[in-house]
Amino acid sequence: AIHDSTTGADAVDGYYFELDDSVSANWQICCANNSTRTKTVSGSTPTVNTWYNLKVVVNSGNTSAEFFVDGASIGTVSTNLPATTRSTGVGIMYSNSAASATSKICSVDLVLVLNRGLTR
């Protein structure tokens, strides 16, 4: 996912996956434009100690972003997509709610960002 936060703060601009125990055990698919965000809870629940291939595909007009987990689409966001690419970085947002006493770790193995048109 691509967004502009390098701390625990929420993204100002970006496309990203989020896990937040206080909201749901499922992945949230998120877009942020100038701190206005759309966060949609998907039907996909991650399992501990499991690697996932996460992908976001933004259409050429930047009017929708489709989110994939292990090649399967888990939803599309078409509101609050970032208007610019300023200060973008790569990340996955994770929030460990106060209700959970268990520490959680998110490991990232490979990040690949492509900015190109896709053809068949």
C-alpha atoms as a PDB file:
ATOM      1  CA  ALA A   1       0.000   0.000   0.000  1.00  0.00           C
ATOM      2  CA  ILE A   2       1.169   3.529  -0.552  1.00  0.00           C
ATOM      3  CA  HIS A   3       0.697   6.382   1.875  1.00  0.00           C
ATOM      4  CA  ASP A   4       2.621   9.256   3.410  1.00  0.00           C
ATOM      5  CA  SER A   5       2.870   8.366   7.105  1.00  0.00           C
ATOM      6  CA  THR A   6       6.102   7.050   8.583  1.00  0.00           C
ATOM      7  CA  THR A   7       4.818   7.088  12.165  1.00  0.00           C
ATOM      8  CA  GLY A   8       1.757   5.694  13.905  1.00  0.00           C
ATOM      9  CA  ALA A   9      -0.314   8.587  12.552  1.00  0.00           C
ATOM     10  CA  ASP A  10      -2.990   7.854   9.992  1.00  0.00           C
ATOM     11  CA  ALA A  11      -2.213   8.628   6.365  1.00  0.00           C
ATOM     12  CA  VAL A  12      -2.920  12.093   4.997  1.00  0.00           C
ATOM     13  CA  ASP A  13      -2.790  10.818   1.401  1.00  0.00           C
ATOM     14  CA  GLY A  14      -2.634   7.230   0.245  1.00  0.00           C
ATOM     15  CA  TYR A  15      -4.038   3.792  -0.562  1.00  0.00           C
ATOM     16  CA  TYR A  16      -3.532   1.215   2.193  1.00  0.00           C
ATOM     17  CA  PHE A  17      -4.664  -1.844   4.124  1.00  0.00           C
ATOM     18  CA  GLU A  18      -5.418  -1.434   7.815  1.00  0.00           C
ATOM     19  CA  LEU A  19      -5.957  -3.811  10.714  1.00  0.00           C
ATOM     20  CA  ASP A  20      -7.627  -2.250  13.748  1.00  0.00           C
ATOM     21  CA  ASP A  21      -8.877  -4.604  16.471  1.00  0.00           C
ATOM     22  CA  SER A  22     -11.175  -1.905  17.848  1.00  0.00           C
ATOM     23  CA  VAL A  23     -13.081  -1.828  14.534  1.00  0.00           C
ATOM     24  CA  SER A  24     -12.932  -5.397  13.189  1.00  0.00           C
ATOM     25  CA  ALA A  25     -10.770  -8.501  12.958  1.00  0.00           C
ATOM     26  CA  ASN A  26     -10.956  -8.143   9.152  1.00  0.00           C
ATOM     27  CA  TRP A  27      -8.763  -6.160   6.779  1.00  0.00           C
ATOM     28  CA  GLN A  28      -9.933  -2.606   6.163  1.00  0.00           C
ATOM     29  CA  ILE A  29      -9.319  -1.176   2.708  1.00  0.00           C
ATOM     30  CA  CYS A  30      -8.534   2.522   2.869  1.00  0.00           C
ATOM     31  CA  CYS A  31      -7.968   5.624   0.781  1.00  0.00           C
ATOM     32  CA  ALA A  32      -7.033   9.075   2.092  1.00  0.00           C
ATOM     33  CA  ASN A  33      -7.096  12.436   0.342  1.00  0.00           C
ATOM     34  CA  ASN A  34      -5.800  15.391   2.347  1.00  0.00           C
ATOM     35  CA  SER A  35      -6.790  13.679   5.657  1.00  0.00           C
ATOM     36  CA  THR A  36     -10.306  12.807   4.466  1.00  0.00           C
ATOM     37  CA  ARG A  37     -10.513   9.026   4.542  1.00  0.00           C
ATOM     38  CA  THR A  38     -12.654   6.165   3.337  1.00  0.00           C
ATOM     39  CA  LYS A  39     -12.187   2.968   5.353  1.00  0.00           C
ATOM     40  CA  THR A  40     -14.228  -0.086   4.437  1.00  0.00           C
ATOM     41  CA  VAL A  41     -14.197  -3.321   6.438  1.00  0.00           C
ATOM     42  CA  SER A  42     -13.733  -6.253   4.071  1.00  0.00           C
ATOM     43  CA  GLY A  43     -14.948  -9.806   4.503  1.00  0.00           C
ATOM     44  CA  SER A  44     -11.354 -11.065   4.633  1.00  0.00           C
ATOM     45  CA  THR A  45      -9.855 -11.999   8.014  1.00  0.00           C
ATOM     46  CA  PRO A  46      -6.086 -12.471   8.371  1.00  0.00           C
ATOM     47  CA  THR A  47      -4.734 -15.474  10.239  1.00  0.00           C
ATOM     48  CA  VAL A  48      -1.769 -15.229  12.609  1.00  0.00           C
ATOM     49  CA  ASN A  49       1.622 -16.529  11.470  1.00  0.00           C
ATOM     50  CA  THR A  50       0.583 -16.354   7.812  1.00  0.00           C
ATOM     51  CA  TRP A  51       2.218 -14.484   4.948  1.00  0.00           C
ATOM     52  CA  TYR A  52      -0.069 -12.556   2.594  1.00  0.00           C
ATOM     53  CA  ASN A  53       0.397 -11.043  -0.836  1.00  0.00           C
ATOM     54  CA  LEU A  54      -1.353  -7.651  -0.609  1.00  0.00           C
ATOM     55  CA  LYS A  55      -1.963  -5.630  -3.753  1.00  0.00           C
ATOM     56  CA  VAL A  56      -3.681  -2.355  -4.599  1.00  0.00           C
ATOM     57  CA  VAL A  57      -4.529  -1.585  -8.233  1.00  0.00           C
ATOM     58  CA  VAL A  58      -5.468   2.023  -9.007  1.00  0.00           C
ATOM     59  CA  ASN A  59      -7.156   2.630 -12.349  1.00  0.00           C
ATOM     60  CA  SER A  60      -5.558   5.025 -14.836  1.00  0.00           C
ATOM     61  CA  GLY A  61      -8.020   7.821 -14.042  1.00  0.00           C
ATOM     62  CA  ASN A  62      -7.403   7.531 -10.292  1.00  0.00           C
ATOM     63  CA  THR A  63     -11.136   7.068  -9.731  1.00  0.00           C
ATOM     64  CA  SER A  64     -11.013   3.667  -8.039  1.00  0.00           C
ATOM     65  CA  ALA A  65      -8.599   1.437  -6.159  1.00  0.00           C
ATOM     66  CA  GLU A  66      -9.145  -2.315  -6.000  1.00  0.00           C
ATOM     67  CA  PHE A  67      -7.613  -4.249  -3.111  1.00  0.00           C
ATOM     68  CA  PHE A  68      -6.426  -7.870  -3.314  1.00  0.00           C
ATOM     69  CA  VAL A  69      -5.306 -10.445  -0.744  1.00  0.00           C
ATOM     70  CA  ASP A  70      -3.461 -13.419  -2.247  1.00  0.00           C
ATOM     71  CA  GLY A  71      -4.851 -12.581  -5.688  1.00  0.00           C
ATOM     72  CA  ALA A  72      -8.514 -12.408  -4.623  1.00  0.00           C
ATOM     73  CA  SER A  73     -10.307  -9.064  -4.721  1.00  0.00           C
ATOM     74  CA  ILE A  74     -11.648  -8.012  -1.317  1.00  0.00           C
ATOM     75  CA  GLY A  75     -13.198  -4.738  -2.475  1.00  0.00           C
ATOM     76  CA  THR A  76     -12.920  -1.450  -4.296  1.00  0.00           C
ATOM     77  CA  VAL A  77     -12.776   2.099  -2.944  1.00  0.00           C
ATOM     78  CA  SER A  78     -13.877   4.957  -5.188  1.00  0.00           C
ATOM     79  CA  THR A  79     -13.978   7.867  -2.729  1.00  0.00           C
ATOM     80  CA  ASN A  80     -11.202   9.942  -1.173  1.00  0.00           C
ATOM     81  CA  LEU A  81      -8.457   8.676  -3.457  1.00  0.00           C
ATOM     82  CA  PRO A  82      -5.371  10.899  -3.116  1.00  0.00           C
ATOM     83  CA  ALA A  83      -5.412  13.809  -5.554  1.00  0.00           C
ATOM     84  CA  THR A  84      -1.599  13.964  -5.654  1.00  0.00           C
ATOM     85  CA  THR A  85       1.354  11.668  -5.115  1.00  0.00           C
ATOM     86  CA  ARG A  86       3.132  14.044  -2.760  1.00  0.00           C
ATOM     87  CA  SER A  87       5.263  12.478  -0.050  1.00  0.00           C
ATOM     88  CA  THR A  88       4.183   8.924  -0.725  1.00  0.00           C
ATOM     89  CA  GLY A  89       5.808   6.014   1.036  1.00  0.00           C
ATOM     90  CA  VAL A  90       4.932   2.375   1.547  1.00  0.00           C
ATOM     91  CA  GLY A  91       3.226   0.897   4.564  1.00  0.00           C
ATOM     92  CA  ILE A  92       0.558  -1.158   6.232  1.00  0.00           C
ATOM     93  CA  MET A  93      -1.317   0.439   9.109  1.00  0.00           C
ATOM     94  CA  TYR A  94      -1.846  -1.712  12.202  1.00  0.00           C
ATOM     95  CA  SER A  95      -3.551  -0.675  15.421  1.00  0.00           C
ATOM     96  CA  ASN A  96      -3.349  -2.800  18.551  1.00  0.00           C
ATOM     97  CA  SER A  97      -6.416  -1.847  20.558  1.00  0.00           C
ATOM     98  CA  ALA A  98      -6.288  -1.407  24.321  1.00  0.00           C
ATOM     99  CA  ALA A  99      -8.732  -4.311  24.597  1.00  0.00           C
ATOM    100  CA  SER A 100      -6.070  -6.719  23.331  1.00  0.00           C
ATOM    101  CA  ALA A 101      -3.291  -7.663  25.733  1.00  0.00           C
ATOM    102  CA  THR A 102      -1.444  -9.603  23.040  1.00  0.00           C
ATOM    103  CA  SER A 103       1.442  -7.921  21.238  1.00  0.00           C
ATOM    104  CA  LYS A 104       1.258  -8.052  17.478  1.00  0.00           C
ATOM    105  CA  ILE A 105       3.993  -7.834  14.869  1.00  0.00           C
ATOM    106  CA  CYS A 106       3.574  -7.121  11.167  1.00  0.00           C
ATOM    107  CA  SER A 107       6.533  -8.228   9.045  1.00  0.00           C
ATOM    108  CA  VAL A 108       7.006  -6.979   5.492  1.00  0.00           C
ATOM    109  CA  ASP A 109       9.112  -9.189   3.225  1.00  0.00           C
ATOM    110  CA  LEU A 110       8.959  -7.501  -0.197  1.00  0.00           C
ATOM    111  CA  VAL A 111       7.556  -4.232  -1.453  1.00  0.00           C
ATOM    112  CA  LEU A 112       7.137  -3.619  -5.169  1.00  0.00           C
ATOM    113  CA  VAL A 113       5.652  -0.398  -6.524  1.00  0.00           C
ATOM    114  CA  LEU A 114       4.833  -0.220 -10.232  1.00  0.00           C
ATOM    115  CA  ASN A 115       3.637   2.909 -11.971  1.00  0.00           C
ATOM    116  CA  ARG A 116       2.675   1.688 -15.402  1.00  0.00           C
ATOM    117  CA  GLY A 117      -0.328   0.964 -17.533  1.00  0.00           C
ATOM    118  CA  LEU A 118      -1.393  -2.634 -17.690  1.00  0.00           C
ATOM    119  CA  THR A 119      -2.190  -4.314 -21.002  1.00  0.00           C
ATOM    120  CA  ARG A 120      -3.436  -7.753 -21.918  1.00  0.00           C
END
